[in-house]
Amino acid sequence: MSTQVQTKNKLQSGKEITLSEANKFINEFNILKDCVEVIPKNGQEERLKEIKEFISSTNDYNAFVFSKDLIKRFFDANKGKDEANYLVVVLGAYFQDATNGKDDIDSKKGAFTVLTTGCIKEKDSYKVIDIHNPVNQYAPKMCISKLTVNIDENSFNIIR
């Protein structure tokens, strides 16, 4: 497959961080998202419905849950020609109204979503692996205010 993942900055594949650092990132995101009001650019009034849905959905959610099986398939050479060494997570938005029958989540056109795909690094770019349906799509699941590992607490504190 010749699809390339284009990046704006120098390619980086992430780093490990502490739970405390992760919670600082989450807290900052939740504070900032409540401080922003987005106004459509001139000439985009016909997309106002989708723009409002996008803004609303980004305020309602900040977390996606990825199943082990959907992610592992990118790293299993038996599933296709390639085996990924990187996972790419991409922000997207619904291009039409949708109902996810399994989780019974309704998403309107314009609501944000996340896509994942497995990639192979080639020089300064990433190549999407050549497997059947090489991308996973996820509906937002929850809003997380803090991550914990304490057995007495939930793994996620869910806020609404």
N, C-alpha and C. Protein backbone atom coordinates (compact mmCIF):
# COMPACT_ATOMS: atom_id res chain seq x y z
N MET A 1 0.85 -1.16 0.00
CA MET A 1 0.00 0.00 0.00
C MET A 1 0.90 1.23 0.00
N SER A 2 0.60 2.21 -0.82
CA SER A 2 1.49 3.36 -0.97
C SER A 2 1.09 4.56 -0.13
N THR A 3 0.04 4.44 0.67
CA THR A 3 -0.40 5.56 1.50
C THR A 3 0.69 5.92 2.50
N GLN A 4 1.00 7.20 2.57
CA GLN A 4 2.00 7.69 3.51
C GLN A 4 1.31 8.55 4.57
N VAL A 5 1.80 8.50 5.79
CA VAL A 5 1.33 9.37 6.85
C VAL A 5 2.19 10.62 6.79
N GLN A 6 1.56 11.75 6.50
CA GLN A 6 2.29 13.01 6.39
C GLN A 6 2.36 13.68 7.75
N THR A 7 3.52 14.23 8.07
CA THR A 7 3.69 14.93 9.34
C THR A 7 4.19 16.33 9.09
N LYS A 8 3.85 17.23 10.00
CA LYS A 8 4.25 18.63 9.90
C LYS A 8 5.60 18.86 10.56
N ASN A 9 5.85 18.17 11.65
CA ASN A 9 7.08 18.34 12.41
C ASN A 9 7.98 17.13 12.25
N LYS A 10 9.17 17.22 12.83
CA LYS A 10 10.08 16.09 12.80
C LYS A 10 9.39 14.87 13.41
N LEU A 11 9.57 13.72 12.79
CA LEU A 11 8.90 12.51 13.24
C LEU A 11 9.37 12.10 14.63
N GLN A 12 8.41 11.84 15.50
CA GLN A 12 8.69 11.36 16.84
C GLN A 12 7.71 10.25 17.16
N SER A 13 8.15 9.27 17.92
CA SER A 13 7.26 8.15 18.22
C SER A 13 6.85 8.12 19.68
N GLY A 14 6.98 9.23 20.39
CA GLY A 14 6.51 9.31 21.76
C GLY A 14 7.58 8.96 22.77
N LYS A 15 7.18 9.05 24.03
CA LYS A 15 8.09 8.72 25.13
C LYS A 15 7.25 8.31 26.33
N GLU A 16 7.85 7.60 27.24
CA GLU A 16 7.18 7.22 28.46
C GLU A 16 7.12 8.43 29.39
N ILE A 17 5.99 8.56 30.11
CA ILE A 17 5.86 9.62 31.11
C ILE A 17 5.22 9.03 32.36
N THR A 18 5.33 9.76 33.46
CA THR A 18 4.74 9.30 34.70
C THR A 18 3.23 9.54 34.70
N LEU A 19 2.55 8.88 35.61
CA LEU A 19 1.12 9.08 35.79
C LEU A 19 0.83 10.52 36.19
N SER A 20 1.69 11.08 37.01
CA SER A 20 1.53 12.48 37.43
C SER A 20 1.61 13.43 36.24
N GLU A 21 2.59 13.20 35.35
CA GLU A 21 2.70 14.03 34.15
C GLU A 21 1.47 13.87 33.25
N ALA A 22 0.99 12.64 33.10
CA ALA A 22 -0.19 12.39 32.27
C ALA A 22 -1.38 13.16 32.82
N ASN A 23 -1.55 13.15 34.12
CA ASN A 23 -2.68 13.85 34.73
C ASN A 23 -2.56 15.36 34.56
N LYS A 24 -1.35 15.87 34.52
CA LYS A 24 -1.15 17.31 34.26
C LYS A 24 -1.58 17.65 32.83
N PHE A 25 -1.25 16.78 31.86
CA PHE A 25 -1.69 16.98 30.47
C PHE A 25 -3.23 16.96 30.39
N ILE A 26 -3.84 15.98 31.05
CA ILE A 26 -5.30 15.84 31.02
C ILE A 26 -5.96 17.06 31.66
N ASN A 27 -5.46 17.47 32.80
CA ASN A 27 -6.02 18.62 33.50
C ASN A 27 -5.92 19.89 32.64
N GLU A 28 -4.78 20.10 32.04
CA GLU A 28 -4.59 21.30 31.20
C GLU A 28 -5.54 21.29 30.02
N PHE A 29 -5.70 20.13 29.38
CA PHE A 29 -6.64 20.01 28.26
C PHE A 29 -8.06 20.37 28.71
N ASN A 30 -8.49 19.78 29.84
CA ASN A 30 -9.85 20.03 30.32
C ASN A 30 -10.07 21.49 30.70
N ILE A 31 -9.07 22.14 31.25
CA ILE A 31 -9.18 23.57 31.58
C ILE A 31 -9.29 24.40 30.30
N LEU A 32 -8.40 24.14 29.36
CA LEU A 32 -8.36 24.94 28.14
C LEU A 32 -9.60 24.76 27.27
N LYS A 33 -10.10 23.53 27.16
CA LYS A 33 -11.26 23.32 26.29
C LYS A 33 -12.47 24.09 26.76
N ASP A 34 -12.57 24.34 28.06
CA ASP A 34 -13.69 25.10 28.58
C ASP A 34 -13.51 26.61 28.42
N CYS A 35 -12.34 27.03 27.98
CA CYS A 35 -12.04 28.46 27.82
C CYS A 35 -12.15 28.93 26.37
N VAL A 36 -12.42 28.02 25.46
CA VAL A 36 -12.37 28.34 24.04
C VAL A 36 -13.77 28.45 23.45
N GLU A 37 -13.95 29.48 22.65
CA GLU A 37 -15.17 29.62 21.87
C GLU A 37 -14.72 29.74 20.42
N VAL A 38 -15.25 28.89 19.59
CA VAL A 38 -14.85 28.89 18.19
C VAL A 38 -15.93 29.57 17.36
N ILE A 39 -15.49 30.47 16.52
CA ILE A 39 -16.39 31.18 15.61
C ILE A 39 -16.00 30.77 14.19
N PRO A 40 -16.96 30.34 13.38
CA PRO A 40 -16.62 29.92 12.02
C PRO A 40 -16.01 31.06 11.20
N LYS A 41 -15.09 30.72 10.33
CA LYS A 41 -14.51 31.70 9.42
C LYS A 41 -15.59 32.22 8.47
N ASN A 42 -15.39 33.42 7.97
CA ASN A 42 -16.31 33.96 6.97
C ASN A 42 -16.42 32.99 5.80
N GLY A 43 -17.62 32.80 5.31
CA GLY A 43 -17.83 31.91 4.17
C GLY A 43 -18.11 30.47 4.57
N GLN A 44 -18.06 30.16 5.86
CA GLN A 44 -18.30 28.79 6.32
C GLN A 44 -19.65 28.63 7.01
N GLU A 45 -20.52 29.60 6.85
CA GLU A 45 -21.81 29.58 7.53
C GLU A 45 -22.64 28.36 7.16
N GLU A 46 -22.52 27.85 5.92
CA GLU A 46 -23.30 26.68 5.51
C GLU A 46 -22.88 25.43 6.28
N ARG A 47 -21.72 25.45 6.89
CA ARG A 47 -21.24 24.30 7.68
C ARG A 47 -21.45 24.51 9.17
N LEU A 48 -22.23 25.52 9.54
CA LEU A 48 -22.41 25.88 10.94
C LEU A 48 -22.92 24.71 11.78
N LYS A 49 -23.84 23.90 11.24
CA LYS A 49 -24.38 22.76 11.98
C LYS A 49 -23.26 21.77 12.34
N GLU A 50 -22.41 21.43 11.38
CA GLU A 50 -21.31 20.49 11.63
C GLU A 50 -20.27 21.11 12.56
N ILE A 51 -20.01 22.40 12.41
CA ILE A 51 -19.03 23.08 13.26
C ILE A 51 -19.51 23.06 14.72
N LYS A 52 -20.79 23.34 14.93
CA LYS A 52 -21.34 23.30 16.29
C LYS A 52 -21.25 21.90 16.87
N GLU A 53 -21.52 20.88 16.08
CA GLU A 53 -21.43 19.49 16.54
C GLU A 53 -19.99 19.13 16.90
N PHE A 54 -19.04 19.59 16.09
CA PHE A 54 -17.63 19.33 16.35
C PHE A 54 -17.22 19.95 17.68
N ILE A 55 -17.56 21.20 17.89
CA ILE A 55 -17.20 21.88 19.13
C ILE A 55 -17.88 21.20 20.32
N SER A 56 -19.15 20.89 20.18
CA SER A 56 -19.88 20.22 21.26
C SER A 56 -19.25 18.88 21.61
N SER A 57 -18.89 18.09 20.61
CA SER A 57 -18.32 16.77 20.88
C SER A 57 -16.93 16.86 21.49
N THR A 58 -16.16 17.88 21.15
CA THR A 58 -14.83 18.01 21.76
C THR A 58 -14.94 18.46 23.21
N ASN A 59 -16.04 19.13 23.57
CA ASN A 59 -16.23 19.53 24.96
C ASN A 59 -16.76 18.38 25.81
N ASP A 60 -17.45 17.43 25.19
CA ASP A 60 -18.06 16.33 25.93
C ASP A 60 -17.09 15.18 26.19
N TYR A 61 -16.08 15.01 25.37
CA TYR A 61 -15.21 13.84 25.46
C TYR A 61 -13.75 14.22 25.30
N ASN A 62 -12.88 13.44 25.95
CA ASN A 62 -11.45 13.57 25.71
C ASN A 62 -10.76 12.20 25.70
N ALA A 63 -11.55 11.11 25.67
CA ALA A 63 -10.94 9.79 25.77
C ALA A 63 -11.58 8.79 24.82
N PHE A 64 -10.75 7.89 24.34
CA PHE A 64 -11.16 6.80 23.46
C PHE A 64 -10.62 5.52 24.06
N VAL A 65 -11.38 4.44 23.95
CA VAL A 65 -10.94 3.15 24.47
C VAL A 65 -10.61 2.26 23.28
N PHE A 66 -9.38 1.75 23.25
CA PHE A 66 -8.91 0.91 22.15
C PHE A 66 -8.88 -0.54 22.61
N SER A 67 -9.51 -1.43 21.84
CA SER A 67 -9.46 -2.85 22.21
C SER A 67 -8.10 -3.43 21.83
N LYS A 68 -7.64 -4.34 22.64
CA LYS A 68 -6.36 -5.01 22.41
C LYS A 68 -6.33 -5.70 21.05
N ASP A 69 -7.41 -6.39 20.70
CA ASP A 69 -7.45 -7.13 19.43
C ASP A 69 -7.36 -6.22 18.22
N LEU A 70 -8.07 -5.08 18.27
CA LEU A 70 -8.01 -4.16 17.12
C LEU A 70 -6.61 -3.57 16.95
N ILE A 71 -5.93 -3.30 18.04
CA ILE A 71 -4.57 -2.73 17.95
C ILE A 71 -3.55 -3.82 17.59
N LYS A 72 -3.67 -4.99 18.21
CA LYS A 72 -2.70 -6.07 17.97
C LYS A 72 -2.65 -6.50 16.51
N ARG A 73 -3.76 -6.38 15.79
CA ARG A 73 -3.78 -6.85 14.39
C ARG A 73 -2.77 -6.09 13.53
N PHE A 74 -2.40 -4.88 13.92
CA PHE A 74 -1.40 -4.11 13.17
C PHE A 74 0.00 -4.70 13.35
N PHE A 75 0.21 -5.43 14.43
CA PHE A 75 1.53 -5.93 14.77
C PHE A 75 1.66 -7.44 14.56
N ASP A 76 0.74 -8.02 13.79
CA ASP A 76 0.71 -9.44 13.51
C ASP A 76 0.92 -9.67 12.01
N ALA A 77 2.10 -10.15 11.63
CA ALA A 77 2.44 -10.35 10.22
C ALA A 77 1.51 -11.35 9.54
N ASN A 78 0.84 -12.18 10.29
CA ASN A 78 -0.05 -13.17 9.71
C ASN A 78 -1.34 -12.55 9.16
N LYS A 79 -1.63 -11.31 9.50
CA LYS A 79 -2.86 -10.64 9.07
C LYS A 79 -2.72 -9.99 7.69
N GLY A 80 -1.50 -9.86 7.18
CA GLY A 80 -1.30 -9.22 5.88
C GLY A 80 0.16 -9.29 5.48
N LYS A 81 0.52 -8.50 4.49
CA LYS A 81 1.89 -8.50 3.97
C LYS A 81 2.88 -7.88 4.94
N ASP A 82 2.42 -6.89 5.70
CA ASP A 82 3.32 -6.12 6.55
C ASP A 82 3.00 -6.32 8.03
N GLU A 83 3.99 -6.00 8.85
CA GLU A 83 3.83 -5.95 10.30
C GLU A 83 4.28 -4.58 10.76
N ALA A 84 3.42 -3.87 11.46
CA ALA A 84 3.73 -2.50 11.88
C ALA A 84 4.77 -2.47 12.98
N ASN A 85 5.55 -1.38 13.02
CA ASN A 85 6.37 -1.13 14.19
C ASN A 85 5.94 0.15 14.90
N TYR A 86 4.94 0.83 14.37
CA TYR A 86 4.41 2.06 14.96
C TYR A 86 2.89 2.06 14.90
N LEU A 87 2.28 2.68 15.88
CA LEU A 87 0.85 2.92 15.89
C LEU A 87 0.64 4.42 15.69
N VAL A 88 -0.21 4.79 14.76
CA VAL A 88 -0.51 6.19 14.50
C VAL A 88 -1.97 6.43 14.90
N VAL A 89 -2.19 7.49 15.68
CA VAL A 89 -3.53 7.90 16.10
C VAL A 89 -3.82 9.23 15.42
N VAL A 90 -4.95 9.29 14.71
CA VAL A 90 -5.28 10.47 13.90
C VAL A 90 -6.64 11.00 14.34
N LEU A 91 -6.75 12.31 14.55
CA LEU A 91 -8.05 12.94 14.83
C LEU A 91 -8.82 13.06 13.54
N GLY A 92 -10.13 12.85 13.61
CA GLY A 92 -10.99 12.99 12.46
C GLY A 92 -12.34 13.53 12.88
N ALA A 93 -13.26 13.64 11.93
CA ALA A 93 -14.63 14.07 12.21
C ALA A 93 -15.57 13.27 11.33
N TYR A 94 -16.75 12.96 11.85
CA TYR A 94 -17.74 12.19 11.09
C TYR A 94 -18.14 12.97 9.84
N PHE A 95 -18.16 12.29 8.71
CA PHE A 95 -18.53 12.90 7.44
C PHE A 95 -20.02 12.73 7.15
N GLN A 96 -20.72 11.95 8.00
CA GLN A 96 -22.17 11.77 7.89
C GLN A 96 -22.67 11.32 9.26
N ASP A 97 -23.98 11.43 9.50
CA ASP A 97 -24.55 10.93 10.75
C ASP A 97 -24.32 9.43 10.81
N ALA A 98 -24.04 8.91 12.02
CA ALA A 98 -23.75 7.48 12.16
C ALA A 98 -24.25 6.96 13.48
N THR A 99 -24.61 5.67 13.48
CA THR A 99 -24.96 4.97 14.71
C THR A 99 -24.03 3.78 14.81
N ASN A 100 -23.35 3.67 15.93
CA ASN A 100 -22.49 2.54 16.20
C ASN A 100 -23.34 1.51 16.93
N GLY A 101 -23.85 0.53 16.20
CA GLY A 101 -24.77 -0.45 16.76
C GLY A 101 -24.24 -1.18 17.96
N LYS A 102 -22.94 -1.51 17.98
CA LYS A 102 -22.37 -2.28 19.07
C LYS A 102 -22.44 -1.52 20.39
N ASP A 103 -22.00 -0.28 20.38
CA ASP A 103 -21.98 0.52 21.61
C ASP A 103 -23.18 1.45 21.70
N ASP A 104 -24.02 1.44 20.67
CA ASP A 104 -25.22 2.26 20.63
C ASP A 104 -24.91 3.74 20.81
N ILE A 105 -23.83 4.19 20.24
CA ILE A 105 -23.44 5.59 20.31
C ILE A 105 -23.83 6.26 19.00
N ASP A 106 -24.61 7.31 19.10
CA ASP A 106 -24.98 8.08 17.91
C ASP A 106 -23.97 9.21 17.74
N SER A 107 -23.50 9.39 16.54
CA SER A 107 -22.57 10.48 16.25
C SER A 107 -23.11 11.24 15.06
N LYS A 108 -23.19 12.54 15.22
CA LYS A 108 -23.70 13.39 14.16
C LYS A 108 -22.57 13.84 13.26
N LYS A 109 -22.91 14.19 12.04
CA LYS A 109 -21.93 14.72 11.09
C LYS A 109 -21.22 15.89 11.76
N GLY A 110 -19.89 15.86 11.74
CA GLY A 110 -19.08 16.91 12.34
C GLY A 110 -18.51 16.54 13.69
N ALA A 111 -19.09 15.53 14.39
CA ALA A 111 -18.56 15.12 15.69
C ALA A 111 -17.16 14.54 15.50
N PHE A 112 -16.28 14.76 16.48
CA PHE A 112 -14.92 14.27 16.29
C PHE A 112 -14.81 12.79 16.61
N THR A 113 -13.80 12.17 16.05
CA THR A 113 -13.53 10.76 16.22
C THR A 113 -12.01 10.56 16.14
N VAL A 114 -11.57 9.35 16.39
CA VAL A 114 -10.15 9.02 16.30
C VAL A 114 -9.99 7.80 15.40
N LEU A 115 -8.93 7.80 14.62
CA LEU A 115 -8.57 6.68 13.76
C LEU A 115 -7.22 6.16 14.21
N THR A 116 -7.01 4.85 14.15
CA THR A 116 -5.68 4.28 14.40
C THR A 116 -5.28 3.44 13.21
N THR A 117 -3.99 3.38 12.97
CA THR A 117 -3.46 2.53 11.91
C THR A 117 -2.05 2.10 12.28
N GLY A 118 -1.64 0.97 11.77
CA GLY A 118 -0.28 0.50 11.96
C GLY A 118 0.59 0.97 10.81
N CYS A 119 1.80 1.36 11.13
CA CYS A 119 2.71 1.89 10.11
C CYS A 119 4.11 1.33 10.23
N ILE A 120 4.82 1.44 9.14
CA ILE A 120 6.24 1.07 9.07
C ILE A 120 7.01 2.35 8.75
N LYS A 121 8.07 2.61 9.50
CA LYS A 121 8.86 3.82 9.24
C LYS A 121 9.77 3.57 8.05
N GLU A 122 9.71 4.49 7.10
CA GLU A 122 10.57 4.45 5.90
C GLU A 122 11.22 5.81 5.75
N LYS A 123 12.49 5.90 6.03
CA LYS A 123 13.25 7.16 5.99
C LYS A 123 12.56 8.19 6.87
N ASP A 124 12.01 9.24 6.29
CA ASP A 124 11.37 10.31 7.07
C ASP A 124 9.85 10.30 6.99
N SER A 125 9.27 9.15 6.72
CA SER A 125 7.81 9.06 6.67
C SER A 125 7.37 7.69 7.18
N TYR A 126 6.07 7.55 7.34
CA TYR A 126 5.49 6.28 7.77
C TYR A 126 4.60 5.75 6.66
N LYS A 127 4.70 4.45 6.38
CA LYS A 127 3.86 3.81 5.38
C LYS A 127 2.80 2.99 6.10
N VAL A 128 1.54 3.18 5.72
CA VAL A 128 0.44 2.39 6.30
C VAL A 128 0.63 0.94 5.87
N ILE A 129 0.46 0.01 6.81
CA ILE A 129 0.66 -1.40 6.48
C ILE A 129 -0.42 -1.90 5.53
N ASP A 130 -0.06 -2.90 4.77
CA ASP A 130 -0.96 -3.46 3.76
C ASP A 130 -1.70 -4.66 4.34
N ILE A 131 -2.83 -4.38 5.01
CA ILE A 131 -3.70 -5.43 5.53
C ILE A 131 -5.13 -5.06 5.15
N HIS A 132 -6.05 -6.03 5.26
CA HIS A 132 -7.46 -5.77 5.00
C HIS A 132 -7.97 -4.75 6.02
N ASN A 133 -8.66 -3.71 5.55
CA ASN A 133 -9.15 -2.63 6.42
C ASN A 133 -8.05 -2.15 7.37
N PRO A 134 -7.07 -1.41 6.85
CA PRO A 134 -5.89 -1.05 7.63
C PRO A 134 -6.08 0.05 8.67
N VAL A 135 -7.32 0.50 8.89
CA VAL A 135 -7.57 1.58 9.84
C VAL A 135 -8.72 1.19 10.76
N ASN A 136 -8.60 1.54 12.04
CA ASN A 136 -9.68 1.39 13.01
C ASN A 136 -10.28 2.76 13.27
N GLN A 137 -11.58 2.81 13.51
CA GLN A 137 -12.26 4.07 13.83
C GLN A 137 -12.97 3.90 15.16
N TYR A 138 -12.90 4.93 16.01
CA TYR A 138 -13.46 4.87 17.36
C TYR A 138 -14.37 6.05 17.62
N ALA A 139 -15.49 5.76 18.27
CA ALA A 139 -16.35 6.83 18.77
C ALA A 139 -15.82 7.24 20.15
N PRO A 140 -15.97 8.50 20.53
CA PRO A 140 -15.51 8.91 21.86
C PRO A 140 -16.28 8.16 22.94
N LYS A 141 -15.60 7.85 24.03
CA LYS A 141 -16.19 7.02 25.07
C LYS A 141 -16.50 7.77 26.36
N MET A 142 -15.63 8.68 26.78
CA MET A 142 -15.80 9.29 28.09
C MET A 142 -14.97 10.55 28.19
N CYS A 143 -15.18 11.25 29.27
CA CYS A 143 -14.35 12.40 29.60
C CYS A 143 -13.56 12.01 30.85
N ILE A 144 -12.27 12.10 30.78
CA ILE A 144 -11.41 11.67 31.88
C ILE A 144 -10.81 12.90 32.56
N SER A 145 -10.91 12.93 33.88
CA SER A 145 -10.32 14.03 34.63
C SER A 145 -9.02 13.63 35.30
N LYS A 146 -8.83 12.31 35.54
CA LYS A 146 -7.62 11.86 36.22
C LYS A 146 -7.43 10.37 35.97
N LEU A 147 -6.19 9.94 35.77
CA LEU A 147 -5.85 8.53 35.66
C LEU A 147 -5.30 8.06 37.01
N THR A 148 -5.71 6.88 37.44
CA THR A 148 -5.20 6.34 38.70
C THR A 148 -4.85 4.87 38.52
N VAL A 149 -3.99 4.35 39.39
CA VAL A 149 -3.68 2.93 39.39
C VAL A 149 -4.03 2.30 40.73
N ASN A 150 -4.57 3.07 41.65
CA ASN A 150 -4.95 2.58 42.96
C ASN A 150 -6.08 1.57 42.83
N ILE A 151 -5.93 0.41 43.41
CA ILE A 151 -6.94 -0.65 43.31
C ILE A 151 -8.26 -0.21 43.92
N ASP A 152 -8.21 0.65 44.92
CA ASP A 152 -9.43 1.11 45.60
C ASP A 152 -10.20 2.14 44.79
N GLU A 153 -9.60 2.65 43.71
CA GLU A 153 -10.24 3.66 42.90
C GLU A 153 -10.51 3.11 41.50
N ASN A 154 -11.36 3.77 40.76
CA ASN A 154 -11.56 3.41 39.37
C ASN A 154 -10.33 3.79 38.58
N SER A 155 -10.06 3.09 37.50
CA SER A 155 -8.92 3.44 36.65
C SER A 155 -9.11 4.81 36.03
N PHE A 156 -10.35 5.15 35.70
CA PHE A 156 -10.65 6.45 35.15
C PHE A 156 -11.68 7.13 36.04
N ASN A 157 -11.47 8.40 36.27
CA ASN A 157 -12.52 9.20 36.90
C ASN A 157 -13.30 9.82 35.76
N ILE A 158 -14.55 9.45 35.64
CA ILE A 158 -15.36 9.92 34.53
C ILE A 158 -16.16 11.13 34.99
N ILE A 159 -16.08 12.20 34.21
CA ILE A 159 -16.85 13.40 34.52
C ILE A 159 -17.83 13.66 33.40
N ARG A 160 -18.92 14.25 33.70
CA ARG A 160 -19.92 14.63 32.69
C ARG A 160 -20.34 16.04 32.93
